[in-house]
Amino acid sequence: IHLTEKAAAELQRQMVAKQAEGQYVRIGVDTGGCSGMQYTVDFTAEQGADDTVIENGDVKVVCDSISLVSIDGLTVDYVDALVGGGFKFDNPNAKRSCGCGTSFMVEGAKAPTGGTCG
């Protein structure tokens, strides 16, 4: 998992704002969204037994082994824009993504029926 300079700077800014300095950024996946899986980004003080720790400058990212299978090679960027801004995910494992860019499907997964973006 790679963070661009802009993504790392925004995560550091958010950590300061939420008084979460010194914590990890947990990046993972969960079921949901219109394509079947969605990205999760949160702060945590805990490192799980099955977590991989990835250092991106001053930002330490943790990812559980189950999520890492779907997002290995992920690049996270941050776009500062009034419309369409926020974290952007470039996942080489995504075989399909929705228009909003936060939901994706990997090879062998079954597409959900219905659902909405985000």
Protein backbone atom coordinates (compact mmCIF):
# COMPACT_ATOMS: atom_id res chain seq x y z
CA ILE A 1 0.00 0.00 0.00
CA HIS A 2 1.44 3.33 -1.07
CA LEU A 3 0.35 6.81 -0.01
CA THR A 4 1.09 9.76 -2.27
CA GLU A 5 2.62 12.83 -0.61
CA LYS A 6 -0.79 14.54 -0.68
CA ALA A 7 -2.54 11.55 0.92
CA ALA A 8 0.11 11.25 3.63
CA ALA A 9 -0.11 14.99 4.38
CA GLU A 10 -3.92 14.87 4.62
CA LEU A 11 -3.83 11.83 6.90
CA GLN A 12 -1.29 13.57 9.13
CA ARG A 13 -3.51 16.69 9.19
CA GLN A 14 -6.52 14.58 10.19
CA MET A 15 -4.52 12.78 12.87
CA VAL A 16 -3.60 16.12 14.45
CA ALA A 17 -7.20 17.38 14.20
CA LYS A 18 -8.55 14.20 15.83
CA GLN A 19 -5.72 14.07 18.36
CA ALA A 20 -4.72 10.67 16.97
CA GLU A 21 -1.01 11.42 16.55
CA GLY A 22 1.21 8.40 17.00
CA GLN A 23 -1.56 6.06 15.92
CA TYR A 24 -1.78 3.88 12.85
CA VAL A 25 -3.92 4.49 9.79
CA ARG A 26 -5.95 1.34 9.20
CA ILE A 27 -6.77 0.77 5.52
CA GLY A 28 -8.94 -2.18 4.65
CA VAL A 29 -12.04 -3.37 2.85
CA ASP A 30 -15.57 -4.18 3.88
CA THR A 31 -18.57 -5.49 2.00
CA GLY A 32 -20.82 -2.79 0.61
CA GLY A 33 -21.17 -0.19 -2.08
CA CYS A 34 -22.58 -0.83 -5.51
CA SER A 35 -19.68 -3.01 -6.70
CA GLY A 36 -19.51 -5.32 -3.69
CA MET A 37 -16.52 -4.09 -1.66
CA GLN A 38 -15.61 -0.68 -0.31
CA TYR A 39 -12.46 0.84 1.12
CA THR A 40 -12.21 1.71 4.81
CA VAL A 41 -9.82 4.25 6.32
CA ASP A 42 -9.66 4.84 10.06
CA PHE A 43 -7.22 5.59 12.85
CA THR A 44 -6.27 3.00 15.44
CA ALA A 45 -3.87 2.65 18.33
CA GLU A 46 -3.92 -1.14 17.94
CA GLN A 47 -1.93 -3.40 15.68
CA GLY A 48 -3.61 -6.77 15.26
CA ALA A 49 -1.76 -10.08 15.22
CA ASP A 50 -2.50 -10.60 11.51
CA ASP A 51 -1.77 -6.97 10.49
CA THR A 52 0.93 -5.93 8.07
CA VAL A 53 2.56 -2.58 8.91
CA ILE A 54 3.57 -0.39 5.97
CA GLU A 55 5.56 2.77 6.64
CA ASN A 56 4.91 5.70 4.32
CA GLY A 57 7.19 8.42 5.65
CA ASP A 58 5.76 9.54 8.99
CA VAL A 59 2.50 7.65 8.44
CA LYS A 60 2.28 4.02 9.53
CA VAL A 61 -0.45 2.07 7.76
CA VAL A 62 -1.82 -1.22 9.08
CA CYS A 63 -3.84 -3.65 7.02
CA ASP A 64 -5.29 -7.01 8.03
CA SER A 65 -4.31 -10.08 6.01
CA ILE A 66 -7.81 -10.63 4.61
CA SER A 67 -8.09 -7.07 3.26
CA LEU A 68 -4.54 -7.09 1.94
CA VAL A 69 -5.40 -9.84 -0.55
CA SER A 70 -7.83 -7.46 -2.28
CA ILE A 71 -5.77 -4.27 -2.05
CA ASP A 72 -2.14 -5.37 -2.36
CA GLY A 73 -0.46 -2.74 -4.54
CA LEU A 74 -3.06 -0.06 -3.70
CA THR A 75 -2.09 3.60 -4.18
CA VAL A 76 -4.00 6.16 -2.13
CA ASP A 77 -4.03 9.78 -3.30
CA TYR A 78 -5.80 12.85 -1.99
CA VAL A 79 -7.50 15.41 -4.21
CA ASP A 80 -8.32 18.77 -2.65
CA ALA A 81 -11.34 19.91 -4.65
CA LEU A 82 -14.78 21.28 -3.85
CA VAL A 83 -16.43 18.70 -6.12
CA GLY A 84 -15.00 15.19 -6.38
CA GLY A 85 -12.33 15.78 -3.76
CA GLY A 86 -11.17 13.38 -1.09
CA PHE A 87 -9.18 10.18 -1.01
CA LYS A 88 -8.80 8.39 -4.35
CA PHE A 89 -7.91 4.72 -4.59
CA ASP A 90 -5.98 3.12 -7.46
CA ASN A 91 -6.27 -0.61 -6.92
CA PRO A 92 -4.54 -2.90 -9.45
CA ASN A 93 -6.69 -5.80 -8.20
CA ALA A 94 -10.02 -4.10 -8.96
CA LYS A 95 -11.72 -5.71 -11.92
CA ARG A 96 -14.65 -3.30 -11.70
CA SER A 97 -15.18 -0.01 -9.89
CA CYS A 98 -18.21 2.20 -9.49
CA GLY A 99 -18.43 5.80 -10.61
CA CYS A 100 -17.80 7.21 -7.14
CA GLY A 101 -14.47 5.34 -6.88
CA THR A 102 -15.03 3.97 -3.38
CA SER A 103 -16.56 0.67 -4.34
CA PHE A 104 -14.90 -2.13 -6.31
CA MET A 105 -14.94 -5.82 -7.17
CA VAL A 106 -12.03 -8.25 -7.44
CA GLU A 107 -11.68 -11.30 -9.70
CA GLY A 108 -14.01 -14.13 -8.75
CA ALA A 109 -16.37 -12.00 -6.66
CA LYS A 110 -20.08 -12.01 -7.41
CA ALA A 111 -21.63 -8.64 -8.29
CA PRO A 112 -24.33 -7.48 -5.84
CA THR A 113 -27.82 -6.69 -7.01
CA GLY A 114 -29.20 -3.24 -6.32
CA GLY A 115 -27.06 -1.10 -4.03
CA THR A 116 -25.99 2.48 -4.27
CA CYS A 117 -22.65 4.22 -4.65
CA GLY A 118 -20.75 5.01 -1.45
